[in-house]
PDB file of N, CA and C in Angstrom:
ATOM      1  N   ASN A   1     106.303 109.212  92.534  1.00  0.00           N
ATOM      2  CA  ASN A   1     105.514 110.394  94.119  1.00  0.00           C
ATOM      3  C   ASN A   1     104.273 109.374  94.725  1.00  0.00           C
ATOM      4  N   PHE A   2     104.041 109.604  95.473  1.00  0.00           N
ATOM      5  CA  PHE A   2     103.051 109.117  96.069  1.00  0.00           C
ATOM      6  C   PHE A   2     101.464 109.295  95.113  1.00  0.00           C
ATOM      7  N   PHE A   3     101.263 110.543  95.183  1.00  0.00           N
ATOM      8  CA  PHE A   3      99.847 110.465  94.126  1.00  0.00           C
ATOM      9  C   PHE A   3     100.057 110.096  93.075  1.00  0.00           C
ATOM     10  N   ASN A   4     100.970 110.292  92.428  1.00  0.00           N
ATOM     11  CA  ASN A   4     100.990 109.523  91.005  1.00  0.00           C
ATOM     12  C   ASN A   4     101.218 107.862  90.975  1.00  0.00           C
ATOM     13  N   ARG A   5     101.327 107.547  91.763  1.00  0.00           N
ATOM     14  CA  ARG A   5     101.789 105.771  91.837  1.00  0.00           C
ATOM     15  C   ARG A   5     100.419 105.384  92.235  1.00  0.00           C
ATOM     16  N   GLY A   6      99.773 106.220  93.259  1.00  0.00           N
ATOM     17  CA  GLY A   6      98.251 105.662  93.589  1.00  0.00           C
ATOM     18  C   GLY A   6      97.656 105.988  92.631  1.00  0.00           C
ATOM     19  N   PHE A   7      97.349 106.675  92.030  1.00  0.00           N
ATOM     20  CA  PHE A   7      96.830 107.308  90.664  1.00  0.00           C
ATOM     21  C   PHE A   7      96.328 105.924  89.779  1.00  0.00           C
ATOM     22  N   GLU A   8      97.750 106.144  89.104  1.00  0.00           N
ATOM     23  CA  GLU A   8      98.261 104.624  88.103  1.00  0.00           C
ATOM     24  C   GLU A   8      97.533 103.239  88.696  1.00  0.00           C
ATOM     25  N   LEU A   9      97.743 103.108  90.238  1.00  0.00           N
ATOM     26  CA  LEU A   9      97.539 102.145  90.433  1.00  0.00           C
ATOM     27  C   LEU A   9      96.011 101.611  90.405  1.00  0.00           C
ATOM     28  N   GLY A  10      95.389 102.749  91.032  1.00  0.00           N
ATOM     29  CA  GLY A  10      93.626 102.956  90.790  1.00  0.00           C
ATOM     30  C   GLY A  10      93.354 102.640  89.786  1.00  0.00           C
ATOM     31  N   LYS A  11      94.004 103.214  88.349  1.00  0.00           N
ATOM     32  CA  LYS A  11      93.326 102.966  87.091  1.00  0.00           C
ATOM     33  C   LYS A  11      93.541 101.834  86.687  1.00  0.00           C
ATOM     34  N   GLU A  12      94.898 101.194  86.737  1.00  0.00           N
ATOM     35  CA  GLU A  12      95.692  99.720  85.952  1.00  0.00           C
ATOM     36  C   GLU A  12      94.356  98.762  86.773  1.00  0.00           C
ATOM     37  N   SER A  13      94.147  99.122  88.280  1.00  0.00           N
ATOM     38  CA  SER A  13      93.885  97.974  89.091  1.00  0.00           C
ATOM     39  C   SER A  13      92.485  98.039  88.648  1.00  0.00           C
ATOM     40  N   LEU A  14      91.514  99.074  88.746  1.00  0.00           N
ATOM     41  CA  LEU A  14      90.243  99.003  88.023  1.00  0.00           C
ATOM     42  C   LEU A  14      90.101  98.281  86.793  1.00  0.00           C
ATOM     43  N   LYS A  15      91.046  98.827  85.694  1.00  0.00           N
ATOM     44  CA  LYS A  15      90.954  98.006  84.208  1.00  0.00           C
ATOM     45  C   LYS A  15      91.185  96.093  84.391  1.00  0.00           C
ATOM     46  N   GLN A  16      91.921  95.816  85.338  1.00  0.00           N
ATOM     47  CA  GLN A  16      91.860  94.334  85.533  1.00  0.00           C
ATOM     48  C   GLN A  16      90.527  93.909  85.734  1.00  0.00           C
ATOM     49  N   ILE A  17      89.980  94.763  86.659  1.00  0.00           N
ATOM     50  CA  ILE A  17      88.825  94.088  87.344  1.00  0.00           C
ATOM     51  C   ILE A  17      87.646  94.431  86.904  1.00  0.00           C
ATOM     52  N   ILE A  18      87.656  95.218  86.131  1.00  0.00           N
ATOM     53  CA  ILE A  18      86.528  95.315  84.674  1.00  0.00           C
ATOM     54  C   ILE A  18      86.885  93.916  84.003  1.00  0.00           C
ATOM     55  N   LYS A  19      87.759  93.762  83.535  1.00  0.00           N
ATOM     56  CA  LYS A  19      88.054  92.569  82.483  1.00  0.00           C
ATOM     57  C   LYS A  19      87.783  91.185  83.196  1.00  0.00           C
ATOM     58  N   ASP A  20      88.300  91.504  84.569  1.00  0.00           N
ATOM     59  CA  ASP A  20      87.888  90.174  85.091  1.00  0.00           C
ATOM     60  C   ASP A  20      86.453  89.695  85.713  1.00  0.00           C
ATOM     61  N   ILE A  21      85.466  90.904  85.732  1.00  0.00           N
ATOM     62  CA  ILE A  21      84.098  90.976  86.413  1.00  0.00           C
ATOM     63  C   ILE A  21      84.009  91.914  85.441  1.00  0.00           C
ATOM     64  N   PRO A  22      83.435  91.805  84.504  1.00  0.00           N
ATOM     65  CA  PRO A  22      82.447  92.956  83.826  1.00  0.00           C
ATOM     66  C   PRO A  22      80.983  93.387  84.487  1.00  0.00           C
ATOM     67  N   ASN A  23      80.605  92.846  85.107  1.00  0.00           N
ATOM     68  CA  ASN A  23      79.187  92.783  85.615  1.00  0.00           C
ATOM     69  C   ASN A  23      79.518  93.330  87.054  1.00  0.00           C
ATOM     70  N   ILE A  24      79.946  94.145  87.187  1.00  0.00           N
ATOM     71  CA  ILE A  24      80.755  94.779  88.518  1.00  0.00           C
ATOM     72  C   ILE A  24      79.796  96.187  88.546  1.00  0.00           C
ATOM     73  N   ALA A  25      79.246  95.978  89.992  1.00  0.00           N
ATOM     74  CA  ALA A  25      78.254  97.289  90.185  1.00  0.00           C
ATOM     75  C   ALA A  25      79.329  98.388  90.844  1.00  0.00           C
ATOM     76  N   GLY A  26      80.270  98.120  91.424  1.00  0.00           N
ATOM     77  CA  GLY A  26      81.066  99.121  92.217  1.00  0.00           C
ATOM     78  C   GLY A  26      82.016  98.595  93.004  1.00  0.00           C
ATOM     79  N   ILE A  27      83.259  99.390  93.189  1.00  0.00           N
ATOM     80  CA  ILE A  27      84.290  99.074  93.789  1.00  0.00           C
ATOM     81  C   ILE A  27      84.947 100.160  94.852  1.00  0.00           C
ATOM     82  N   SER A  28      85.163  99.442  95.957  1.00  0.00           N
ATOM     83  CA  SER A  28      85.772 100.518  97.040  1.00  0.00           C
ATOM     84  C   SER A  28      87.267 100.299  97.146  1.00  0.00           C
ATOM     85  N   PHE A  29      87.807 101.756  97.003  1.00  0.00           N
ATOM     86  CA  PHE A  29      89.477 101.144  96.777  1.00  0.00           C
ATOM     87  C   PHE A  29      90.549 101.803  98.385  1.00  0.00           C
ATOM     88  N   ILE A  30      91.252 101.445  98.835  1.00  0.00           N
ATOM     89  CA  ILE A  30      92.262 101.345  99.901  1.00  0.00           C
ATOM     90  C   ILE A  30      92.042 102.738 100.059  1.00  0.00           C
ATOM     91  N   ASN A  31      92.288 103.802  99.137  1.00  0.00           N
ATOM     92  CA  ASN A  31      92.215 105.601  99.586  1.00  0.00           C
ATOM     93  C   ASN A  31      91.723 105.931  98.615  1.00  0.00           C
ATOM     94  N   ASP A  32      91.768 107.165  98.674  1.00  0.00           N
ATOM     95  CA  ASP A  32      90.860 108.245  97.867  1.00  0.00           C
ATOM     96  C   ASP A  32      91.861 108.587  96.421  1.00  0.00           C
ATOM     97  N   VAL A  33      92.949 108.589  96.442  1.00  0.00           N
ATOM     98  CA  VAL A  33      94.003 108.452  95.193  1.00  0.00           C
ATOM     99  C   VAL A  33      93.676 107.591  94.752  1.00  0.00           C
ATOM    100  N   GLN A  34      93.602 106.422  94.976  1.00  0.00           N
ATOM    101  CA  GLN A  34      93.401 105.207  93.671  1.00  0.00           C
ATOM    102  C   GLN A  34      91.594 105.286  93.457  1.00  0.00           C
ATOM    103  N   ALA A  35      91.274 105.626  93.668  1.00  0.00           N
ATOM    104  CA  ALA A  35      89.700 105.930  94.088  1.00  0.00           C
ATOM    105  C   ALA A  35      89.946 106.605  92.489  1.00  0.00           C
ATOM    106  N   MET A  36      90.801 108.202  92.866  1.00  0.00           N
ATOM    107  CA  MET A  36      90.384 108.900  91.366  1.00  0.00           C
ATOM    108  C   MET A  36      90.676 108.234  90.518  1.00  0.00           C
ATOM    109  N   GLY A  37      92.100 107.926  90.485  1.00  0.00           N
ATOM    110  CA  GLY A  37      92.475 107.167  89.062  1.00  0.00           C
ATOM    111  C   GLY A  37      91.701 106.085  88.931  1.00  0.00           C
ATOM    112  N   GLY A  38      91.038 105.061  89.060  1.00  0.00           N
ATOM    113  CA  GLY A  38      90.139 104.405  88.846  1.00  0.00           C
ATOM    114  C   GLY A  38      89.033 105.167  87.819  1.00  0.00           C
ATOM    115  N   ALA A  39      88.291 106.257  88.506  1.00  0.00           N
ATOM    116  CA  ALA A  39      87.456 106.775  88.452  1.00  0.00           C
ATOM    117  C   ALA A  39      87.864 107.903  87.177  1.00  0.00           C
ATOM    118  N   SER A  40      89.017 107.779  87.087  1.00  0.00           N
ATOM    119  CA  SER A  40      89.458 108.682  85.213  1.00  0.00           C
ATOM    120  C   SER A  40      89.681 107.647  84.098  1.00  0.00           C
ATOM    121  N   LEU A  41      89.897 106.698  84.758  1.00  0.00           N
ATOM    122  CA  LEU A  41      89.408 105.908  83.805  1.00  0.00           C
ATOM    123  C   LEU A  41      88.033 105.570  82.934  1.00  0.00           C
ATOM    124  N   LEU A  42      87.050 105.835  84.021  1.00  0.00           N
ATOM    125  CA  LEU A  42      85.481 105.769  83.848  1.00  0.00           C
ATOM    126  C   LEU A  42      85.431 107.064  82.327  1.00  0.00           C
ATOM    127  N   LEU A  43      86.164 107.831  83.128  1.00  0.00           N
ATOM    128  CA  LEU A  43      86.390 109.814  82.364  1.00  0.00           C
ATOM    129  C   LEU A  43      86.613 109.141  80.454  1.00  0.00           C
ATOM    130  N   THR A  44      87.175 107.829  80.575  1.00  0.00           N
ATOM    131  CA  THR A  44      87.659 108.075  78.703  1.00  0.00           C
ATOM    132  C   THR A  44      86.511 107.144  77.746  1.00  0.00           C
ATOM    133  N   THR A  45      86.575 107.898  76.668  1.00  0.00           N
ATOM    134  CA  THR A  45      85.492 107.392  75.859  1.00  0.00           C
ATOM    135  C   THR A  45      85.554 105.782  75.302  1.00  0.00           C
ATOM    136  N   GLU A  46      86.551 104.827  75.709  1.00  0.00           N
ATOM    137  CA  GLU A  46      86.517 103.264  75.800  1.00  0.00           C
ATOM    138  C   GLU A  46      85.746 102.840  77.257  1.00  0.00           C
ATOM    139  N   TYR A  47      85.889 103.515  78.372  1.00  0.00           N
ATOM    140  CA  TYR A  47      85.367 103.059  79.413  1.00  0.00           C
ATOM    141  C   TYR A  47      83.827 103.244  79.597  1.00  0.00           C
ATOM    142  N   GLN A  48      83.379 104.163  78.573  1.00  0.00           N
ATOM    143  CA  GLN A  48      82.159 104.865  79.183  1.00  0.00           C
ATOM    144  C   GLN A  48      81.092 104.262  79.283  1.00  0.00           C
ATOM    145  N   ASN A  49      80.664 102.871  78.459  1.00  0.00           N
ATOM    146  CA  ASN A  49      79.782 101.963  79.555  1.00  0.00           C
ATOM    147  C   ASN A  49      79.849 101.769  80.573  1.00  0.00           C
ATOM    148  N   TYR A  50      80.677 101.891  81.807  1.00  0.00           N
ATOM    149  CA  TYR A  50      80.987 101.645  82.823  1.00  0.00           C
ATOM    150  C   TYR A  50      80.771 102.709  83.942  1.00  0.00           C
ATOM    151  N   ARG A  51      80.353 103.519  83.247  1.00  0.00           N
ATOM    152  CA  ARG A  51      79.866 105.082  83.895  1.00  0.00           C
ATOM    153  C   ARG A  51      78.790 104.991  85.201  1.00  0.00           C
ATOM    154  N   HIS A  52      78.241 103.356  84.988  1.00  0.00           N
ATOM    155  CA  HIS A  52      77.250 103.241  86.007  1.00  0.00           C
ATOM    156  C   HIS A  52      78.096 102.700  87.448  1.00  0.00           C
ATOM    157  N   LEU A  53      78.915 102.922  87.337  1.00  0.00           N
ATOM    158  CA  LEU A  53      80.121 101.969  88.996  1.00  0.00           C
ATOM    159  C   LEU A  53      79.829 102.971  89.896  1.00  0.00           C
ATOM    160  N   LYS A  54      80.027 102.515  91.117  1.00  0.00           N
ATOM    161  CA  LYS A  54      79.841 103.075  91.901  1.00  0.00           C
ATOM    162  C   LYS A  54      81.456 103.161  92.757  1.00  0.00           C
ATOM    163  N   ILE A  55      81.809 104.160  92.418  1.00  0.00           N
ATOM    164  CA  ILE A  55      83.453 104.363  93.308  1.00  0.00           C
ATOM    165  C   ILE A  55      83.581 104.886  94.563  1.00  0.00           C
ATOM    166  N   ALA A  56      84.141 104.258  95.487  1.00  0.00           N
ATOM    167  CA  ALA A  56      84.421 105.004  96.850  1.00  0.00           C
ATOM    168  C   ALA A  56      86.041 104.590  97.142  1.00  0.00           C
ATOM    169  N   GLY A  57      86.283 105.404  97.863  1.00  0.00           N
ATOM    170  CA  GLY A  57      87.793 105.344  98.749  1.00  0.00           C
ATOM    171  C   GLY A  57      87.574 105.880 100.228  1.00  0.00           C
ATOM    172  N   TYR A  58      88.971 106.175 100.752  1.00  0.00           N
ATOM    173  CA  TYR A  58      88.840 106.343 101.849  1.00  0.00           C
ATOM    174  C   TYR A  58      90.178 107.354 102.605  1.00  0.00           C
ATOM    175  N   ASN A  59      89.651 108.563 103.155  1.00  0.00           N
ATOM    176  CA  ASN A  59      90.667 109.289 103.964  1.00  0.00           C
ATOM    177  C   ASN A  59      89.794 110.685 103.782  1.00  0.00           C
ATOM    178  N   LYS A  60      88.434 110.545 103.275  1.00  0.00           N
ATOM    179  CA  LYS A  60      87.704 111.913 102.951  1.00  0.00           C
ATOM    180  C   LYS A  60      88.786 113.083 102.622  1.00  0.00           C
ATOM    181  N   ASN A  61      89.249 112.885 101.287  1.00  0.00           N
ATOM    182  CA  ASN A  61      90.062 113.840 100.660  1.00  0.00           C
ATOM    183  C   ASN A  61      89.183 114.919  99.926  1.00  0.00           C
ATOM    184  N   ASN A  62      89.473 116.247 100.079  1.00  0.00           N
ATOM    185  CA  ASN A  62      88.463 117.263  99.768  1.00  0.00           C
ATOM    186  C   ASN A  62      88.563 116.900  98.242  1.00  0.00           C
ATOM    187  N   ALA A  63      89.660 116.689  97.672  1.00  0.00           N
ATOM    188  CA  ALA A  63      89.456 116.755  96.166  1.00  0.00           C
ATOM    189  C   ALA A  63      88.500 115.396  95.883  1.00  0.00           C
ATOM    190  N   THR A  64      87.959 114.168  96.498  1.00  0.00           N
ATOM    191  CA  THR A  64      87.154 113.761  95.575  1.00  0.00           C
ATOM    192  C   THR A  64      85.872 114.402  95.898  1.00  0.00           C
ATOM    193  N   LYS A  65      85.252 115.730  96.240  1.00  0.00           N
ATOM    194  CA  LYS A  65      83.995 116.219  96.317  1.00  0.00           C
ATOM    195  C   LYS A  65      84.039 117.128  94.852  1.00  0.00           C
ATOM    196  N   TYR A  66      84.961 117.289  94.107  1.00  0.00           N
ATOM    197  CA  TYR A  66      84.821 118.075  93.052  1.00  0.00           C
ATOM    198  C   TYR A  66      85.287 117.300  92.348  1.00  0.00           C
ATOM    199  N   TYR A  67      85.746 116.013  92.109  1.00  0.00           N
ATOM    200  CA  TYR A  67      86.238 115.467  90.774  1.00  0.00           C
ATOM    201  C   TYR A  67      85.719 115.125  90.090  1.00  0.00           C
ATOM    202  N   PRO A  68      85.360 115.326  88.579  1.00  0.00           N
ATOM    203  CA  PRO A  68      84.598 115.413  87.741  1.00  0.00           C
ATOM    204  C   PRO A  68      83.646 113.944  87.688  1.00  0.00           C
ATOM    205  N   TYR A  69      84.464 112.815  88.522  1.00  0.00           N
ATOM    206  CA  TYR A  69      83.462 111.464  88.338  1.00  0.00           C
ATOM    207  C   TYR A  69      82.912 111.201  89.898  1.00  0.00           C
ATOM    208  N   PRO A  70      81.714 111.037  90.072  1.00  0.00           N
ATOM    209  CA  PRO A  70      81.224 110.390  91.647  1.00  0.00           C
ATOM    210  C   PRO A  70      81.976 110.041  92.439  1.00  0.00           C
ATOM    211  N   ILE A  71      82.871 110.356  93.593  1.00  0.00           N
ATOM    212  CA  ILE A  71      83.532 108.885  94.615  1.00  0.00           C
ATOM    213  C   ILE A  71      83.082 109.560  96.004  1.00  0.00           C
ATOM    214  N   SER A  72      82.597 108.763  96.359  1.00  0.00           N
ATOM    215  CA  SER A  72      82.426 108.883  97.843  1.00  0.00           C
ATOM    216  C   SER A  72      83.504 107.928  98.585  1.00  0.00           C
ATOM    217  N   SER A  73      83.566 108.779  99.886  1.00  0.00           N
ATOM    218  CA  SER A  73      84.661 108.560 100.806  1.00  0.00           C
ATOM    219  C   SER A  73      84.258 108.575 102.012  1.00  0.00           C
ATOM    220  N   VAL A  74      84.964 108.152 103.137  1.00  0.00           N
ATOM    221  CA  VAL A  74      84.936 107.893 104.076  1.00  0.00           C
ATOM    222  C   VAL A  74      86.175 108.010 104.848  1.00  0.00           C
ATOM    223  N   GLY A  75      85.877 108.692 106.403  1.00  0.00           N
ATOM    224  CA  GLY A  75      87.506 109.093 106.481  1.00  0.00           C
ATOM    225  C   GLY A  75      87.236 109.672 108.343  1.00  0.00           C
ATOM    226  N   PRO A  76      88.355 109.751 108.762  1.00  0.00           N
ATOM    227  CA  PRO A  76      88.077 109.920 110.243  1.00  0.00           C
ATOM    228  C   PRO A  76      87.381 111.464 110.653  1.00  0.00           C
ATOM    229  N   ASN A  77      87.192 111.235 111.870  1.00  0.00           N
ATOM    230  CA  ASN A  77      86.764 112.444 112.185  1.00  0.00           C
ATOM    231  C   ASN A  77      87.547 113.375 112.973  1.00  0.00           C
ATOM    232  N   ILE A  78      88.436 114.029 112.299  1.00  0.00           N
ATOM    233  CA  ILE A  78      89.576 114.631 112.829  1.00  0.00           C
ATOM    234  C   ILE A  78      89.366 115.528 113.936  1.00  0.00           C
ATOM    235  N   GLU A  79      88.176 116.636 114.080  1.00  0.00           N
ATOM    236  CA  GLU A  79      88.062 117.475 114.889  1.00  0.00           C
ATOM    237  C   GLU A  79      87.618 116.540 116.413  1.00  0.00           C
ATOM    238  N   LEU A  80      86.827 115.619 116.228  1.00  0.00           N
ATOM    239  CA  LEU A  80      86.493 114.854 117.382  1.00  0.00           C
ATOM    240  C   LEU A  80      87.558 113.974 118.008  1.00  0.00           C
ATOM    241  N   ILE A  81      88.419 113.561 116.945  1.00  0.00           N
ATOM    242  CA  ILE A  81      89.723 112.904 117.454  1.00  0.00           C
ATOM    243  C   ILE A  81      90.487 114.024 118.577  1.00  0.00           C
ATOM    244  N   VAL A  82      90.723 115.540 118.151  1.00  0.00           N
ATOM    245  CA  VAL A  82      91.344 116.271 118.536  1.00  0.00           C
ATOM    246  C   VAL A  82      90.921 116.754 120.221  1.00  0.00           C
ATOM    247  N   LYS A  83      89.470 116.620 119.754  1.00  0.00           N
ATOM    248  CA  LYS A  83      88.862 117.230 121.329  1.00  0.00           C
ATOM    249  C   LYS A  83      88.797 116.036 122.351  1.00  0.00           C
ATOM    250  N   LYS A  84      88.852 114.613 122.030  1.00  0.00           N
ATOM    251  CA  LYS A  84      88.943 113.901 122.616  1.00  0.00           C
ATOM    252  C   LYS A  84      90.236 113.515 123.520  1.00  0.00           C
ATOM    253  N   LEU A  85      91.544 113.630 122.514  1.00  0.00           N
ATOM    254  CA  LEU A  85      92.803 113.493 122.568  1.00  0.00           C
ATOM    255  C   LEU A  85      92.880 114.368 124.024  1.00  0.00           C
ATOM    256  N   VAL A  86      92.248 115.961 123.699  1.00  0.00           N
ATOM    257  CA  VAL A  86      92.510 117.095 124.672  1.00  0.00           C
ATOM    258  C   VAL A  86      91.852 117.160 125.439  1.00  0.00           C
ATOM    259  N   ASP A  87      90.415 116.273 126.040  1.00  0.00           N
ATOM    260  CA  ASP A  87      89.906 115.789 126.944  1.00  0.00           C
ATOM    261  C   ASP A  87      90.584 114.806 128.195  1.00  0.00           C
ATOM    262  N   TYR A  88      90.949 114.067 127.171  1.00  0.00           N
ATOM    263  CA  TYR A  88      91.872 113.093 128.030  1.00  0.00           C
ATOM    264  C   TYR A  88      93.307 113.363 128.737  1.00  0.00           C
ATOM    265  N   THR A  89      93.374 114.500 127.996  1.00  0.00           N
ATOM    266  CA  THR A  89      95.366 115.182 128.361  1.00  0.00           C
ATOM    267  C   THR A  89      94.759 115.866 129.593  1.00  0.00           C
ATOM    268  N   ILE A  90      93.428 116.884 129.499  1.00  0.00           N
ATOM    269  CA  ILE A  90      93.428 117.748 130.954  1.00  0.00           C
ATOM    270  C   ILE A  90      93.267 116.803 131.917  1.00  0.00           C
ATOM    271  N   SER A  91      92.351 115.743 131.600  1.00  0.00           N
ATOM    272  CA  SER A  91      91.735 115.310 133.203  1.00  0.00           C
ATOM    273  C   SER A  91      93.039 113.898 133.242  1.00  0.00           C
ATOM    274  N   ASN A  92      94.132 113.654 132.759  1.00  0.00           N
ATOM    275  CA  ASN A  92      94.673 112.916 132.730  1.00  0.00           C
ATOM    276  C   ASN A  92      94.193 111.246 133.178  1.00  0.00           C
ATOM    277  N   GLN A  93      93.263 111.203 131.956  1.00  0.00           N
ATOM    278  CA  GLN A  93      93.171 109.672 131.803  1.00  0.00           C
ATOM    279  C   GLN A  93      93.450 108.766 130.940  1.00  0.00           C
ATOM    280  N   ALA A  94      93.541 107.624 130.655  1.00  0.00           N
ATOM    281  CA  ALA A  94      94.143 106.672 129.789  1.00  0.00           C
ATOM    282  C   ALA A  94      93.251 106.938 128.781  1.00  0.00           C
ATOM    283  N   CYS A  95      93.925 107.370 127.389  1.00  0.00           N
ATOM    284  CA  CYS A  95      93.518 107.412 126.328  1.00  0.00           C
ATOM    285  C   CYS A  95      92.782 106.453 125.675  1.00  0.00           C
ATOM    286  N   ASN A  96      91.365 106.240 125.340  1.00  0.00           N
ATOM    287  CA  ASN A  96      90.904 105.037 124.560  1.00  0.00           C
ATOM    288  C   ASN A  96      89.914 105.617 123.602  1.00  0.00           C
ATOM    289  N   LEU A  97      90.218 106.043 122.414  1.00  0.00           N
ATOM    290  CA  LEU A  97      89.250 106.045 121.473  1.00  0.00           C
ATOM    291  C   LEU A  97      88.809 104.972 120.206  1.00  0.00           C
ATOM    292  N   ASN A  98      87.311 105.400 120.654  1.00  0.00           N
ATOM    293  CA  ASN A  98      86.546 105.011 119.122  1.00  0.00           C
ATOM    294  C   ASN A  98      85.759 106.311 119.081  1.00  0.00           C
ATOM    295  N   VAL A  99      86.228 106.393 117.580  1.00  0.00           N
ATOM    296  CA  VAL A  99      85.208 107.603 116.611  1.00  0.00           C
ATOM    297  C   VAL A  99      84.732 107.102 116.130  1.00  0.00           C
ATOM    298  N   GLU A 100      83.428 107.209 115.302  1.00  0.00           N
ATOM    299  CA  GLU A 100      82.523 107.290 114.170  1.00  0.00           C
ATOM    300  C   GLU A 100      83.074 108.152 113.097  1.00  0.00           C
ATOM    301  N   PRO A 101      83.667 107.149 112.111  1.00  0.00           N
ATOM    302  CA  PRO A 101      84.162 108.115 110.549  1.00  0.00           C
ATOM    303  C   PRO A 101      83.211 109.108 110.610  1.00  0.00           C
ATOM    304  N   ILE A 102      83.443 109.998 109.182  1.00  0.00           N
ATOM    305  CA  ILE A 102      82.685 110.740 108.624  1.00  0.00           C
ATOM    306  C   ILE A 102      82.732 110.382 107.155  1.00  0.00           C
ATOM    307  N   LEU A 103      81.196 110.100 106.496  1.00  0.00           N
ATOM    308  CA  LEU A 103      81.241 109.523 105.400  1.00  0.00           C
ATOM    309  C   LEU A 103      80.556 110.656 104.510  1.00  0.00           C
ATOM    310  N   SER A 104      81.190 110.616 103.131  1.00  0.00           N
ATOM    311  CA  SER A 104      80.707 111.779 101.745  1.00  0.00           C
ATOM    312  C   SER A 104      80.499 111.047 101.061  1.00  0.00           C
ATOM    313  N   LEU A 105      78.846 111.028 100.859  1.00  0.00           N
ATOM    314  CA  LEU A 105      78.487 110.328  99.488  1.00  0.00           C
ATOM    315  C   LEU A 105      78.137 111.019  98.510  1.00  0.00           C
ATOM    316  N   ARG A 106      78.828 110.767  97.070  1.00  0.00           N
ATOM    317  CA  ARG A 106      78.120 110.993  96.120  1.00  0.00           C
ATOM    318  C   ARG A 106      77.622 109.676  94.903  1.00  0.00           C
ATOM    319  N   MET A 107      76.534 109.812  95.019  1.00  0.00           N
ATOM    320  CA  MET A 107      76.010 108.438  94.321  1.00  0.00           C
ATOM    321  C   MET A 107      75.068 109.659  93.655  1.00  0.00           C
ATOM    322  N   ASP A 108      75.759 110.354  92.346  1.00  0.00           N
ATOM    323  CA  ASP A 108      74.891 111.037  91.397  1.00  0.00           C
ATOM    324  C   ASP A 108      74.336 109.766  90.488  1.00  0.00           C
ATOM    325  N   GLU A 109      72.543 109.737  90.604  1.00  0.00           N
ATOM    326  CA  GLU A 109      71.973 109.187  89.968  1.00  0.00           C
ATOM    327  C   GLU A 109      72.564 108.753  87.816  1.00  0.00           C
ATOM    328  N   LYS A 110      72.458 110.057  87.502  1.00  0.00           N
ATOM    329  CA  LYS A 110      72.754 109.901  86.047  1.00  0.00           C
ATOM    330  C   LYS A 110      74.334 110.858  86.040  1.00  0.00           C
ATOM    331  N   PHE A 111      75.285 110.357  85.300  1.00  0.00           N
ATOM    332  CA  PHE A 111      76.254 111.228  85.342  1.00  0.00           C
ATOM    333  C   PHE A 111      76.390 111.280  84.047  1.00  0.00           C
ATOM    334  N   THR A 112      76.683 112.348  83.518  1.00  0.00           N
ATOM    335  CA  THR A 112      77.372 112.798  81.957  1.00  0.00           C
ATOM    336  C   THR A 112      78.266 113.308  81.844  1.00  0.00           C
ATOM    337  N   ILE A 113      78.869 113.574  80.833  1.00  0.00           N
ATOM    338  CA  ILE A 113      79.954 114.666  80.372  1.00  0.00           C
ATOM    339  C   ILE A 113      79.810 115.401  79.517  1.00  0.00           C
TER     340      ILE A 113
END
């Protein structure tokens, strides 16, 4: 399924990136599921020396708020998009949306388990 595959892909991707770029400071994944997979790697004892890495994803999935490793996420402002779509529909105007995303930062200074 999508979640399991994305989660494993994030974990394997970060494993390869750490191998190729051992001094990496952070990584932004294509989505939050892959970010959680990558972060899960850092929760293992084998990768505890990389717990300084900043992890980010996209979609603003609520799961990232509560994930044991801090993950920042950016996603669309759905409430604003819906409001603008309704306004355009009611006014019978052509719809051209340019909305600002919502950013959720989790940049915990000291992370310990």
